N, C-alpha and C. Protein backbone atom coordinates (compact mmCIF):
# COMPACT_ATOMS: atom_id res chain seq x y z
N MET A 1 157.55 90.58 104.25
CA MET A 1 158.03 89.53 103.38
C MET A 1 156.94 89.18 102.36
N PRO A 2 157.23 89.24 101.06
CA PRO A 2 156.21 88.96 100.05
C PRO A 2 155.83 87.48 100.03
N ALA A 3 154.60 87.24 99.64
CA ALA A 3 154.12 85.85 99.56
C ALA A 3 154.84 85.15 98.41
N PRO A 4 155.11 83.85 98.55
CA PRO A 4 155.78 83.13 97.47
C PRO A 4 154.88 83.08 96.23
N LYS A 5 155.52 83.10 95.07
CA LYS A 5 154.77 83.06 93.81
C LYS A 5 154.12 81.68 93.65
N LEU A 6 152.82 81.69 93.34
CA LEU A 6 152.09 80.44 93.17
C LEU A 6 152.38 79.83 91.79
N SER A 7 152.43 78.53 91.76
CA SER A 7 152.55 77.84 90.47
C SER A 7 151.20 77.94 89.75
N LEU A 8 151.21 77.59 88.49
CA LEU A 8 149.97 77.61 87.71
C LEU A 8 148.95 76.66 88.34
N ARG A 9 149.41 75.49 88.74
CA ARG A 9 148.54 74.50 89.39
C ARG A 9 147.99 75.07 90.71
N GLY A 10 148.83 75.73 91.48
CA GLY A 10 148.40 76.33 92.74
C GLY A 10 147.34 77.40 92.54
N ARG A 11 147.53 78.23 91.51
CA ARG A 11 146.53 79.27 91.20
C ARG A 11 145.20 78.63 90.82
N ALA A 12 145.27 77.62 89.96
CA ALA A 12 144.05 76.96 89.52
C ALA A 12 143.31 76.35 90.70
N LEU A 13 144.04 75.69 91.58
CA LEU A 13 143.40 75.09 92.75
C LEU A 13 142.81 76.15 93.66
N GLN A 14 143.49 77.28 93.78
CA GLN A 14 142.98 78.38 94.61
C GLN A 14 141.66 78.91 94.03
N TYR A 15 141.61 79.09 92.72
CA TYR A 15 140.37 79.55 92.09
C TYR A 15 139.24 78.54 92.28
N LEU A 16 139.55 77.25 92.09
CA LEU A 16 138.52 76.22 92.22
C LEU A 16 138.09 76.00 93.66
N ALA A 17 138.95 76.32 94.61
CA ALA A 17 138.57 76.19 96.02
C ALA A 17 137.54 77.25 96.41
N ALA A 18 137.59 78.38 95.74
CA ALA A 18 136.65 79.47 96.05
C ALA A 18 135.25 79.17 95.52
N ARG A 19 135.19 78.66 94.27
CA ARG A 19 133.91 78.32 93.65
C ARG A 19 134.17 77.55 92.37
N GLU A 20 133.12 76.97 91.80
CA GLU A 20 133.25 76.25 90.53
C GLU A 20 133.52 77.26 89.41
N HIS A 21 134.32 76.88 88.46
CA HIS A 21 134.62 77.70 87.29
C HIS A 21 134.38 76.90 86.03
N SER A 22 134.03 77.59 84.95
CA SER A 22 133.97 76.92 83.65
C SER A 22 135.39 76.80 83.11
N ARG A 23 135.56 75.93 82.16
CA ARG A 23 136.89 75.74 81.57
C ARG A 23 137.37 77.05 80.94
N ARG A 24 136.48 77.72 80.21
CA ARG A 24 136.84 78.98 79.55
C ARG A 24 137.25 80.04 80.57
N GLU A 25 136.49 80.16 81.62
CA GLU A 25 136.77 81.16 82.65
C GLU A 25 138.11 80.90 83.35
N LEU A 26 138.35 79.65 83.69
CA LEU A 26 139.59 79.30 84.37
C LEU A 26 140.80 79.49 83.43
N ALA A 27 140.63 79.16 82.16
CA ALA A 27 141.71 79.37 81.19
C ALA A 27 142.03 80.86 81.06
N ARG A 28 141.00 81.69 81.05
CA ARG A 28 141.20 83.14 80.95
C ARG A 28 141.95 83.67 82.17
N LYS A 29 141.60 83.18 83.35
CA LYS A 29 142.26 83.63 84.58
C LYS A 29 143.71 83.15 84.68
N LEU A 30 143.98 81.97 84.14
CA LEU A 30 145.33 81.40 84.24
C LEU A 30 146.27 81.89 83.14
N ALA A 31 145.73 82.31 82.02
CA ALA A 31 146.54 82.67 80.86
C ALA A 31 147.65 83.69 81.16
N PRO A 32 147.41 84.75 81.91
CA PRO A 32 148.49 85.71 82.17
C PRO A 32 149.64 85.13 83.00
N HIS A 33 149.42 84.02 83.66
CA HIS A 33 150.42 83.43 84.55
C HIS A 33 151.14 82.23 83.92
N ALA A 34 150.74 81.88 82.69
CA ALA A 34 151.34 80.71 82.03
C ALA A 34 152.34 81.15 80.97
N GLU A 35 153.27 80.28 80.69
CA GLU A 35 154.25 80.56 79.64
C GLU A 35 153.64 80.36 78.26
N THR A 36 152.80 79.31 78.12
CA THR A 36 152.16 79.03 76.84
C THR A 36 150.70 78.65 77.07
N ARG A 37 149.94 78.77 76.00
CA ARG A 37 148.53 78.38 76.06
C ARG A 37 148.40 76.87 76.24
N GLU A 38 149.32 76.13 75.65
CA GLU A 38 149.30 74.67 75.74
C GLU A 38 149.48 74.22 77.19
N GLN A 39 150.27 74.96 77.94
CA GLN A 39 150.48 74.65 79.35
C GLN A 39 149.15 74.75 80.12
N VAL A 40 148.38 75.79 79.84
CA VAL A 40 147.07 75.96 80.48
C VAL A 40 146.12 74.84 80.06
N GLU A 41 146.07 74.55 78.76
CA GLU A 41 145.18 73.51 78.26
C GLU A 41 145.52 72.14 78.85
N ALA A 42 146.80 71.85 78.97
CA ALA A 42 147.22 70.56 79.54
C ALA A 42 146.79 70.46 81.01
N LEU A 43 146.95 71.55 81.74
CA LEU A 43 146.54 71.56 83.15
C LEU A 43 145.03 71.38 83.27
N LEU A 44 144.27 72.08 82.42
CA LEU A 44 142.81 71.96 82.46
C LEU A 44 142.35 70.56 82.06
N ASP A 45 143.02 69.95 81.09
CA ASP A 45 142.70 68.57 80.71
C ASP A 45 142.95 67.63 81.89
N GLU A 46 144.05 67.83 82.58
CA GLU A 46 144.38 67.01 83.74
C GLU A 46 143.34 67.19 84.84
N PHE A 47 142.95 68.43 85.11
CA PHE A 47 141.95 68.70 86.14
C PHE A 47 140.60 68.07 85.79
N GLU A 48 140.22 68.12 84.51
CA GLU A 48 138.97 67.48 84.10
C GLU A 48 139.05 65.96 84.28
N ALA A 49 140.18 65.39 83.92
CA ALA A 49 140.36 63.93 84.06
C ALA A 49 140.29 63.50 85.52
N LYS A 50 140.80 64.33 86.41
CA LYS A 50 140.78 64.01 87.85
C LYS A 50 139.46 64.42 88.52
N GLY A 51 138.58 65.10 87.79
CA GLY A 51 137.30 65.51 88.36
C GLY A 51 137.36 66.80 89.16
N LEU A 52 138.47 67.50 89.08
CA LEU A 52 138.58 68.77 89.80
C LEU A 52 137.87 69.90 89.07
N LEU A 53 137.73 69.77 87.78
CA LEU A 53 137.05 70.75 86.93
C LEU A 53 135.92 70.03 86.23
N SER A 54 134.69 70.44 86.48
CA SER A 54 133.54 69.73 85.94
C SER A 54 132.52 70.71 85.36
N GLN A 55 132.19 70.49 84.10
CA GLN A 55 131.17 71.32 83.45
C GLN A 55 129.81 71.12 84.12
N ALA A 56 129.47 69.90 84.46
CA ALA A 56 128.17 69.61 85.08
C ALA A 56 128.06 70.30 86.44
N ARG A 57 129.12 70.27 87.24
CA ARG A 57 129.09 70.96 88.54
C ARG A 57 129.00 72.46 88.36
N PHE A 58 129.67 73.00 87.34
CA PHE A 58 129.61 74.42 87.09
C PHE A 58 128.18 74.84 86.72
N VAL A 59 127.54 74.07 85.84
CA VAL A 59 126.16 74.36 85.45
C VAL A 59 125.25 74.32 86.67
N GLU A 60 125.40 73.29 87.48
CA GLU A 60 124.60 73.15 88.69
C GLU A 60 124.81 74.34 89.63
N SER A 61 126.05 74.78 89.75
CA SER A 61 126.38 75.91 90.61
C SER A 61 125.72 77.19 90.12
N ILE A 62 125.80 77.46 88.83
CA ILE A 62 125.18 78.66 88.25
C ILE A 62 123.67 78.62 88.46
N VAL A 63 123.07 77.49 88.16
CA VAL A 63 121.61 77.36 88.31
C VAL A 63 121.21 77.56 89.77
N HIS A 64 121.95 76.96 90.68
CA HIS A 64 121.64 77.09 92.10
C HIS A 64 121.74 78.54 92.57
N ARG A 65 122.79 79.25 92.12
CA ARG A 65 122.99 80.63 92.56
C ARG A 65 122.03 81.62 91.92
N LYS A 66 121.58 81.35 90.70
CA LYS A 66 120.83 82.35 89.94
C LYS A 66 119.33 82.08 89.82
N ALA A 67 118.90 80.84 90.04
CA ALA A 67 117.51 80.48 89.75
C ALA A 67 116.48 81.27 90.55
N ALA A 68 116.80 81.64 91.77
CA ALA A 68 115.82 82.36 92.60
C ALA A 68 115.61 83.80 92.13
N ARG A 69 116.55 84.33 91.32
CA ARG A 69 116.45 85.73 90.91
C ARG A 69 116.24 85.93 89.42
N PHE A 70 116.54 84.90 88.62
CA PHE A 70 116.52 85.09 87.18
C PHE A 70 115.75 83.99 86.47
N GLY A 71 115.28 84.31 85.27
CA GLY A 71 114.57 83.36 84.44
C GLY A 71 115.51 82.50 83.62
N ALA A 72 114.94 81.52 82.95
CA ALA A 72 115.73 80.57 82.18
C ALA A 72 116.52 81.24 81.06
N ALA A 73 115.95 82.26 80.43
CA ALA A 73 116.66 82.94 79.33
C ALA A 73 117.93 83.62 79.83
N ARG A 74 117.86 84.24 80.97
CA ARG A 74 119.04 84.94 81.52
C ARG A 74 120.11 83.93 81.95
N ILE A 75 119.68 82.82 82.52
CA ILE A 75 120.63 81.79 82.94
C ILE A 75 121.27 81.14 81.71
N ARG A 76 120.47 80.90 80.66
CA ARG A 76 121.00 80.35 79.41
C ARG A 76 122.07 81.28 78.84
N GLN A 77 121.79 82.56 78.86
CA GLN A 77 122.74 83.55 78.35
C GLN A 77 124.05 83.52 79.15
N GLU A 78 123.95 83.41 80.46
CA GLU A 78 125.16 83.36 81.29
C GLU A 78 125.95 82.09 81.02
N LEU A 79 125.27 80.96 80.87
CA LEU A 79 125.97 79.71 80.57
C LEU A 79 126.68 79.80 79.22
N GLN A 80 126.03 80.39 78.24
CA GLN A 80 126.65 80.54 76.92
C GLN A 80 127.86 81.46 76.99
N ALA A 81 127.79 82.49 77.81
CA ALA A 81 128.92 83.40 77.98
C ALA A 81 130.13 82.68 78.57
N HIS A 82 129.87 81.63 79.33
CA HIS A 82 130.95 80.84 79.93
C HIS A 82 131.36 79.68 79.04
N GLY A 83 130.77 79.60 77.83
CA GLY A 83 131.16 78.54 76.90
C GLY A 83 130.49 77.22 77.17
N ILE A 84 129.36 77.23 77.86
CA ILE A 84 128.65 76.00 78.19
C ILE A 84 127.47 75.84 77.22
N ASP A 85 127.51 74.81 76.43
CA ASP A 85 126.41 74.45 75.55
C ASP A 85 126.22 72.95 75.69
N GLY A 86 125.21 72.42 75.07
CA GLY A 86 125.08 70.97 75.06
C GLY A 86 124.10 70.44 76.08
N ASP A 87 124.27 69.16 76.39
CA ASP A 87 123.31 68.44 77.21
C ASP A 87 123.22 68.95 78.63
N ALA A 88 124.34 69.27 79.25
CA ALA A 88 124.32 69.72 80.64
C ALA A 88 123.50 70.99 80.78
N ALA A 89 123.71 71.94 79.90
CA ALA A 89 122.96 73.19 79.94
C ALA A 89 121.49 72.95 79.58
N HIS A 90 121.26 72.13 78.57
CA HIS A 90 119.89 71.86 78.12
C HIS A 90 119.06 71.21 79.23
N ASP A 91 119.63 70.21 79.90
CA ASP A 91 118.91 69.52 80.96
C ASP A 91 118.60 70.45 82.14
N ALA A 92 119.56 71.27 82.51
CA ALA A 92 119.35 72.19 83.63
C ALA A 92 118.29 73.23 83.29
N LEU A 93 118.32 73.75 82.06
CA LEU A 93 117.33 74.76 81.65
C LEU A 93 115.95 74.15 81.48
N ALA A 94 115.88 72.90 81.05
CA ALA A 94 114.58 72.24 80.94
C ALA A 94 113.95 72.07 82.32
N ALA A 95 114.76 71.77 83.32
CA ALA A 95 114.25 71.65 84.69
C ALA A 95 113.76 73.00 85.21
N LEU A 96 114.41 74.08 84.80
CA LEU A 96 113.99 75.42 85.25
C LEU A 96 112.65 75.84 84.65
N GLN A 97 112.35 75.35 83.46
CA GLN A 97 111.10 75.73 82.80
C GLN A 97 109.87 75.37 83.65
N GLY A 98 109.96 74.27 84.36
CA GLY A 98 108.83 73.84 85.18
C GLY A 98 108.54 74.75 86.37
N THR A 99 109.53 75.48 86.81
CA THR A 99 109.34 76.36 87.97
C THR A 99 109.38 77.84 87.59
N GLU A 100 109.36 78.13 86.31
CA GLU A 100 109.50 79.51 85.83
C GLU A 100 108.42 80.43 86.41
N TYR A 101 107.17 79.99 86.38
CA TYR A 101 106.08 80.84 86.88
C TYR A 101 106.26 81.13 88.37
N ASP A 102 106.53 80.11 89.16
CA ASP A 102 106.68 80.31 90.61
C ASP A 102 107.85 81.22 90.94
N ARG A 103 108.96 81.04 90.23
CA ARG A 103 110.13 81.88 90.48
C ARG A 103 109.87 83.32 90.07
N ALA A 104 109.20 83.52 88.92
CA ALA A 104 108.88 84.88 88.46
C ALA A 104 107.92 85.55 89.44
N ARG A 105 106.98 84.80 89.92
CA ARG A 105 106.01 85.37 90.88
C ARG A 105 106.71 85.78 92.17
N ALA A 106 107.63 84.96 92.65
CA ALA A 106 108.37 85.29 93.87
C ALA A 106 109.21 86.55 93.68
N VAL A 107 109.88 86.67 92.53
CA VAL A 107 110.68 87.87 92.24
C VAL A 107 109.78 89.09 92.17
N TRP A 108 108.66 88.95 91.49
CA TRP A 108 107.70 90.05 91.34
C TRP A 108 107.15 90.49 92.70
N GLN A 109 106.81 89.52 93.55
CA GLN A 109 106.29 89.86 94.88
C GLN A 109 107.33 90.57 95.73
N ARG A 110 108.57 90.13 95.67
CA ARG A 110 109.63 90.80 96.44
C ARG A 110 109.82 92.24 95.96
N ARG A 111 109.75 92.44 94.67
CA ARG A 111 110.04 93.76 94.11
C ARG A 111 108.85 94.70 94.20
N PHE A 112 107.66 94.19 93.95
CA PHE A 112 106.48 95.05 93.86
C PHE A 112 105.43 94.77 94.93
N GLY A 113 105.74 93.97 95.90
CA GLY A 113 104.82 93.74 97.01
C GLY A 113 103.62 92.88 96.68
N GLY A 114 103.59 92.26 95.54
CA GLY A 114 102.48 91.37 95.18
C GLY A 114 101.21 92.10 94.78
N GLN A 115 101.30 93.39 94.57
CA GLN A 115 100.11 94.17 94.18
C GLN A 115 100.06 94.33 92.67
N PRO A 116 98.93 93.94 92.05
CA PRO A 116 98.80 94.14 90.60
C PRO A 116 98.92 95.63 90.27
N ALA A 117 99.41 95.91 89.10
CA ALA A 117 99.61 97.30 88.66
C ALA A 117 98.27 98.02 88.53
N ALA A 118 98.24 99.27 88.98
CA ALA A 118 97.02 100.08 88.91
C ALA A 118 96.90 100.79 87.57
N THR A 119 98.00 101.07 86.93
CA THR A 119 97.99 101.81 85.66
C THR A 119 98.76 101.03 84.60
N PRO A 120 98.48 101.33 83.34
CA PRO A 120 99.25 100.69 82.26
C PRO A 120 100.76 100.99 82.36
N ALA A 121 101.11 102.16 82.80
CA ALA A 121 102.53 102.52 82.93
C ALA A 121 103.19 101.66 84.00
N GLU A 122 102.51 101.43 85.11
CA GLU A 122 103.05 100.59 86.18
C GLU A 122 103.15 99.14 85.71
N ARG A 123 102.16 98.68 84.95
CA ARG A 123 102.19 97.31 84.42
C ARG A 123 103.38 97.15 83.47
N ALA A 124 103.62 98.15 82.63
CA ALA A 124 104.76 98.11 81.70
C ALA A 124 106.07 98.08 82.49
N LYS A 125 106.15 98.83 83.56
CA LYS A 125 107.36 98.85 84.39
C LYS A 125 107.62 97.47 84.98
N GLN A 126 106.57 96.85 85.50
CA GLN A 126 106.71 95.52 86.08
C GLN A 126 107.12 94.49 85.03
N MET A 127 106.54 94.62 83.83
CA MET A 127 106.86 93.68 82.76
C MET A 127 108.31 93.86 82.30
N ARG A 128 108.77 95.09 82.19
CA ARG A 128 110.16 95.34 81.80
C ARG A 128 111.12 94.77 82.84
N PHE A 129 110.78 94.93 84.10
CA PHE A 129 111.62 94.41 85.17
C PHE A 129 111.77 92.89 85.04
N LEU A 130 110.65 92.19 84.88
CA LEU A 130 110.71 90.73 84.76
C LEU A 130 111.39 90.28 83.47
N ALA A 131 111.19 91.03 82.40
CA ALA A 131 111.85 90.69 81.13
C ALA A 131 113.37 90.84 81.27
N GLY A 132 113.79 91.86 81.97
CA GLY A 132 115.21 92.07 82.21
C GLY A 132 115.82 90.97 83.05
N ARG A 133 115.00 90.31 83.84
CA ARG A 133 115.48 89.19 84.65
C ARG A 133 115.48 87.88 83.88
N GLY A 134 114.99 87.90 82.63
CA GLY A 134 115.08 86.72 81.78
C GLY A 134 113.89 85.78 81.82
N PHE A 135 112.75 86.27 82.29
CA PHE A 135 111.56 85.42 82.29
C PHE A 135 110.84 85.53 80.95
N SER A 136 110.13 84.46 80.57
CA SER A 136 109.45 84.42 79.27
C SER A 136 108.26 85.37 79.25
N THR A 137 107.90 85.79 78.05
CA THR A 137 106.81 86.74 77.86
C THR A 137 105.49 86.21 78.41
N GLU A 138 105.20 84.95 78.16
CA GLU A 138 103.95 84.35 78.64
C GLU A 138 103.91 84.33 80.18
N VAL A 139 105.00 83.96 80.80
CA VAL A 139 105.06 83.93 82.27
C VAL A 139 104.92 85.34 82.83
N ILE A 140 105.57 86.29 82.21
CA ILE A 140 105.48 87.69 82.67
C ILE A 140 104.04 88.17 82.60
N ARG A 141 103.38 87.89 81.50
CA ARG A 141 101.98 88.32 81.34
C ARG A 141 101.10 87.73 82.44
N ARG A 142 101.28 86.44 82.72
CA ARG A 142 100.47 85.79 83.75
C ARG A 142 100.77 86.35 85.14
N VAL A 143 102.03 86.61 85.43
CA VAL A 143 102.40 87.12 86.75
C VAL A 143 101.88 88.52 86.96
N VAL A 144 102.08 89.39 85.99
CA VAL A 144 101.69 90.80 86.15
C VAL A 144 100.18 90.95 86.18
N ARG A 145 99.48 90.10 85.49
CA ARG A 145 98.00 90.15 85.52
C ARG A 145 97.45 89.37 86.70
N ASP A 146 98.33 88.79 87.49
CA ASP A 146 97.98 88.06 88.71
C ASP A 146 97.06 86.87 88.41
N GLU A 147 97.42 86.13 87.35
CA GLU A 147 96.69 84.91 87.00
C GLU A 147 97.37 83.72 87.66
N ASP A 148 96.60 82.86 88.28
CA ASP A 148 97.16 81.66 88.89
C ASP A 148 97.62 80.69 87.84
N ASP A 149 98.49 79.78 88.26
CA ASP A 149 99.09 78.79 87.37
C ASP A 149 98.03 77.95 86.69
């Protein structure tokens, strides 16, 4: 027996029960199941008014999930991809700046065992790795050269 077809509201609640979503992301997921775009927008407006959909909680969720592995630049890029700009993103990224060195050092130690590079090629490899994770150039330089804070 097939499962009953979920309403648009039911789908939205199912998505939000799994994890926090940005407004843009949830609208994209709901669009194929809605008759009109206005129907999706009205539902999202209602969810925001009731506190079921929150940009601040979404930002907090992304930062919590990604901060241990990625730098502020990479997290900023992900937030922008989800349509998050403004004060919520700015405040969260400003808080990450204070821990950037410690987080980069922890990522570097997990990946490279905490050993400074023996050759310029190895140092370049380590720097590319950290840059790909979104850490700032100054922090990368300090971490790879094993300079304390």
